[in-house]
N, C-alpha and C. Protein backbone atom coordinates (compact mmCIF):
# COMPACT_ATOMS: atom_id res chain seq x y z
N UNK A 1 74.70 8.49 12.53
CA UNK A 1 75.82 8.67 13.44
C UNK A 1 76.49 10.04 12.98
N UNK A 2 76.78 10.82 13.99
CA UNK A 2 77.38 12.06 13.79
C UNK A 2 78.82 11.94 13.38
N UNK A 3 79.36 13.01 12.89
CA UNK A 3 80.83 13.10 12.56
C UNK A 3 81.77 12.62 13.66
N UNK A 4 81.32 13.33 14.87
CA UNK A 4 82.13 12.99 16.03
C UNK A 4 81.99 11.47 16.45
N UNK A 5 80.94 10.79 16.36
CA UNK A 5 80.73 9.46 16.62
C UNK A 5 81.46 8.56 15.56
N UNK A 6 81.50 8.99 14.35
CA UNK A 6 82.09 8.21 13.26
C UNK A 6 83.58 8.37 13.27
N UNK A 7 84.16 9.45 13.84
CA UNK A 7 85.60 9.72 13.81
C UNK A 7 86.56 8.59 14.33
N UNK A 8 86.15 7.87 15.48
CA UNK A 8 86.97 6.85 15.88
C UNK A 8 87.08 5.64 14.92
N UNK A 9 85.93 5.31 14.32
CA UNK A 9 85.98 4.27 13.30
C UNK A 9 86.77 4.64 12.05
N UNK A 10 86.72 5.95 11.65
CA UNK A 10 87.57 6.47 10.56
C UNK A 10 89.02 6.39 10.93
N UNK A 11 89.36 6.74 12.15
CA UNK A 11 90.78 6.66 12.63
C UNK A 11 91.27 5.28 12.68
N UNK A 12 90.49 4.36 13.09
CA UNK A 12 90.83 2.92 13.14
C UNK A 12 91.07 2.42 11.75
N UNK A 13 90.23 2.66 10.77
CA UNK A 13 90.38 2.23 9.43
C UNK A 13 91.64 2.77 8.84
N UNK A 14 91.95 3.97 9.24
CA UNK A 14 93.24 4.57 8.68
C UNK A 14 94.38 3.81 9.28
N UNK A 15 94.39 3.68 10.57
CA UNK A 15 95.55 3.00 11.28
C UNK A 15 95.66 1.56 10.73
N UNK A 16 94.55 0.84 10.53
CA UNK A 16 94.64 -0.52 10.06
C UNK A 16 95.23 -0.62 8.72
N UNK A 17 95.12 0.40 7.84
CA UNK A 17 95.62 0.40 6.54
C UNK A 17 96.84 1.23 6.31
N UNK A 18 97.48 1.71 7.45
CA UNK A 18 98.66 2.62 7.35
C UNK A 18 99.84 2.05 6.67
N UNK A 19 100.05 0.72 6.95
CA UNK A 19 101.28 0.12 6.36
C UNK A 19 101.19 -0.03 4.83
N UNK A 20 99.91 -0.09 4.35
CA UNK A 20 99.64 -0.29 2.92
C UNK A 20 99.56 1.04 2.20
N UNK A 21 99.26 2.13 2.95
CA UNK A 21 98.97 3.36 2.26
C UNK A 21 99.93 4.49 2.62
N UNK A 22 101.02 4.20 3.33
CA UNK A 22 101.94 5.22 3.69
C UNK A 22 102.53 5.86 2.36
N UNK A 23 102.86 7.06 2.26
CA UNK A 23 102.79 8.14 3.25
C UNK A 23 101.55 8.96 3.27
N UNK A 24 100.41 8.49 2.94
CA UNK A 24 99.13 9.24 2.93
C UNK A 24 98.78 9.61 4.33
N UNK A 25 98.24 10.85 4.57
CA UNK A 25 97.59 11.17 5.86
C UNK A 25 96.14 10.71 5.71
N UNK A 26 95.43 10.84 6.85
CA UNK A 26 94.07 10.30 6.91
C UNK A 26 93.21 10.92 5.87
N UNK A 27 93.27 12.17 5.63
CA UNK A 27 92.42 12.83 4.66
C UNK A 27 92.74 12.45 3.27
N UNK A 28 93.99 12.20 3.03
CA UNK A 28 94.37 11.62 1.61
C UNK A 28 93.88 10.21 1.49
N UNK A 29 93.98 9.42 2.51
CA UNK A 29 93.55 8.11 2.50
C UNK A 29 92.00 8.02 2.22
N UNK A 30 91.28 8.77 2.92
CA UNK A 30 89.82 8.91 2.67
C UNK A 30 89.49 9.31 1.35
N UNK A 31 90.15 10.22 0.73
CA UNK A 31 89.93 10.87 -0.56
C UNK A 31 90.19 9.74 -1.63
N UNK A 32 91.14 8.87 -1.34
CA UNK A 32 91.62 7.82 -2.32
C UNK A 32 90.79 6.57 -2.19
N UNK A 33 90.40 6.21 -0.93
CA UNK A 33 89.82 4.86 -0.61
C UNK A 33 88.48 4.98 -0.11
N UNK A 34 87.96 6.20 0.16
CA UNK A 34 86.61 6.30 0.67
C UNK A 34 86.41 5.93 2.14
N UNK A 35 85.28 5.50 2.50
CA UNK A 35 84.91 5.20 3.94
C UNK A 35 84.48 3.76 4.09
N UNK A 36 84.78 2.89 3.11
CA UNK A 36 84.43 1.46 3.15
C UNK A 36 84.83 0.79 4.50
N UNK A 37 86.15 0.84 4.74
CA UNK A 37 86.61 0.15 6.00
C UNK A 37 86.09 0.69 7.24
N UNK A 38 85.91 2.05 7.31
CA UNK A 38 85.35 2.68 8.52
C UNK A 38 83.89 2.22 8.63
N UNK A 39 83.18 2.22 7.54
CA UNK A 39 81.74 1.81 7.64
C UNK A 39 81.61 0.37 8.20
N UNK A 40 82.46 -0.53 7.64
CA UNK A 40 82.47 -1.89 8.07
C UNK A 40 82.77 -2.03 9.58
N UNK A 41 83.72 -1.40 9.99
CA UNK A 41 84.10 -1.32 11.43
C UNK A 41 82.92 -0.74 12.25
N UNK A 42 82.34 0.25 11.84
CA UNK A 42 81.33 0.90 12.62
C UNK A 42 80.08 -0.13 12.65
N UNK A 43 79.72 -0.68 11.53
CA UNK A 43 78.65 -1.52 11.41
C UNK A 43 78.79 -2.73 12.41
N UNK A 44 79.95 -3.42 12.34
CA UNK A 44 80.17 -4.52 13.27
C UNK A 44 79.92 -4.17 14.75
N UNK A 45 80.53 -2.95 15.06
CA UNK A 45 80.38 -2.56 16.53
C UNK A 45 78.84 -2.21 16.77
N UNK A 46 78.19 -1.50 15.97
CA UNK A 46 76.82 -1.16 16.14
C UNK A 46 75.88 -2.33 16.13
N UNK A 47 76.07 -3.26 15.26
CA UNK A 47 75.21 -4.43 14.91
C UNK A 47 75.24 -5.30 16.28
N UNK A 48 76.43 -5.56 16.74
CA UNK A 48 76.49 -6.47 18.00
C UNK A 48 75.99 -5.80 19.16
N UNK A 49 76.21 -4.51 19.33
CA UNK A 49 75.67 -3.87 20.44
C UNK A 49 74.08 -3.83 20.42
N UNK A 50 73.56 -3.65 19.18
CA UNK A 50 72.12 -3.70 19.00
C UNK A 50 71.49 -5.04 19.34
N UNK A 51 72.19 -6.00 18.90
CA UNK A 51 71.67 -7.46 19.19
C UNK A 51 71.60 -7.64 20.68
N UNK A 52 72.66 -7.24 21.45
CA UNK A 52 72.71 -7.45 22.81
C UNK A 52 71.60 -6.66 23.45
N UNK A 53 71.47 -5.32 23.11
CA UNK A 53 70.55 -4.31 23.63
C UNK A 53 69.15 -4.73 23.40
N UNK A 54 68.81 -5.25 22.26
CA UNK A 54 67.40 -5.65 21.92
C UNK A 54 67.15 -7.02 22.21
N UNK A 55 68.15 -7.85 22.73
CA UNK A 55 68.02 -9.25 23.15
C UNK A 55 67.38 -10.02 21.93
N UNK A 56 67.97 -9.97 20.84
CA UNK A 56 67.38 -10.67 19.69
C UNK A 56 68.46 -11.78 19.24
N UNK A 57 67.88 -12.82 18.58
CA UNK A 57 68.71 -13.96 18.01
C UNK A 57 68.62 -14.08 16.52
N UNK A 58 69.48 -13.33 15.77
CA UNK A 58 69.39 -13.41 14.31
C UNK A 58 69.65 -14.89 13.84
N UNK A 59 68.83 -15.18 12.63
CA UNK A 59 68.95 -16.46 12.12
C UNK A 59 69.40 -16.35 10.67
N UNK A 60 69.79 -15.14 10.25
CA UNK A 60 70.26 -14.90 8.94
C UNK A 60 71.23 -13.70 8.95
N UNK A 61 71.90 -13.50 7.91
CA UNK A 61 72.71 -12.28 7.81
C UNK A 61 71.92 -11.12 7.64
N UNK A 62 72.36 -9.96 8.14
CA UNK A 62 71.54 -8.79 8.07
C UNK A 62 71.60 -8.21 6.60
N UNK A 63 70.48 -7.49 6.26
CA UNK A 63 70.36 -6.70 4.96
C UNK A 63 70.74 -5.34 5.36
N UNK A 64 71.86 -4.81 4.79
CA UNK A 64 72.38 -3.53 5.16
C UNK A 64 72.34 -2.54 4.02
N UNK A 65 71.90 -1.37 4.30
CA UNK A 65 71.88 -0.32 3.22
C UNK A 65 72.54 0.90 3.79
N UNK A 66 73.67 1.23 3.15
CA UNK A 66 74.48 2.37 3.60
C UNK A 66 73.85 3.54 2.79
N UNK A 67 73.26 4.49 3.52
CA UNK A 67 72.62 5.69 2.90
C UNK A 67 73.78 6.70 2.50
N UNK A 68 74.60 6.92 3.48
CA UNK A 68 75.86 7.83 3.15
C UNK A 68 76.86 7.61 4.25
N UNK A 69 78.14 7.77 3.88
CA UNK A 69 79.27 7.70 4.77
C UNK A 69 80.32 8.72 4.24
N UNK A 70 80.65 9.69 5.19
CA UNK A 70 81.63 10.67 4.75
C UNK A 70 82.09 11.37 5.98
N UNK A 71 82.90 12.37 5.79
CA UNK A 71 83.49 13.07 6.99
C UNK A 71 82.35 13.61 7.88
N UNK A 72 81.18 13.83 7.43
CA UNK A 72 80.06 14.35 8.17
C UNK A 72 79.31 13.33 9.00
N UNK A 73 79.75 12.07 8.71
CA UNK A 73 79.07 10.95 9.67
C UNK A 73 78.71 9.80 8.82
N UNK A 74 77.75 9.00 9.32
CA UNK A 74 77.37 7.73 8.71
C UNK A 74 75.89 7.61 8.87
N UNK A 75 75.22 7.14 7.84
CA UNK A 75 73.81 6.80 7.97
C UNK A 75 73.58 5.40 7.27
N UNK A 76 73.05 4.50 8.01
CA UNK A 76 72.74 3.23 7.45
C UNK A 76 71.50 2.61 8.01
N UNK A 77 70.86 1.65 7.39
CA UNK A 77 69.89 0.92 7.98
C UNK A 77 70.15 -0.56 7.78
N UNK A 78 69.57 -1.42 8.75
CA UNK A 78 69.89 -2.85 8.71
C UNK A 78 68.59 -3.54 9.17
N UNK A 79 68.40 -4.66 8.61
CA UNK A 79 67.26 -5.47 8.99
C UNK A 79 67.76 -6.87 8.94
N UNK A 80 67.18 -7.74 9.92
CA UNK A 80 67.70 -9.07 10.11
C UNK A 80 66.48 -9.97 10.53
N UNK A 81 66.48 -11.11 10.08
CA UNK A 81 65.44 -12.05 10.47
C UNK A 81 65.93 -12.68 11.74
N UNK A 82 64.96 -12.71 12.66
CA UNK A 82 65.22 -13.24 13.99
C UNK A 82 64.48 -14.42 14.39
N UNK A 83 64.98 -15.21 15.38
CA UNK A 83 64.29 -16.31 15.90
C UNK A 83 62.96 -15.93 16.67
N UNK A 84 61.90 -16.64 16.50
CA UNK A 84 60.69 -16.22 17.25
C UNK A 84 60.90 -16.49 18.72
N UNK A 85 60.21 -15.62 19.44
CA UNK A 85 60.33 -15.65 20.86
C UNK A 85 59.73 -16.99 21.48
N UNK A 86 58.45 -17.14 21.12
CA UNK A 86 57.66 -18.28 21.62
C UNK A 86 57.02 -19.00 20.48
N UNK A 87 57.79 -19.83 19.63
CA UNK A 87 57.09 -20.38 18.45
C UNK A 87 56.03 -21.30 18.84
N UNK A 88 54.91 -21.15 18.11
CA UNK A 88 53.70 -22.01 18.26
C UNK A 88 53.53 -22.82 16.91
N UNK A 89 53.67 -24.09 17.12
CA UNK A 89 53.48 -25.05 15.99
C UNK A 89 52.06 -25.44 15.85
């Protein structure tokens, strides 16, 4: 995910925490708290879009690996066990 694609998730994380972190600006917030909240927000959005797009039915929680998350963007991988399409017993 590019910096431009990640920016709205970073802004949402900042806004969601503004009452707890005032008077920090977004850059100070990210320097102090990192990109954890923004990554979680982005993952939830992307994960559910992928489930719909791929038309899969997960049967377990995803295994997520965040490669990096910073002002330059976000890179992560996720794998999930899904229901078989046509189970043969």
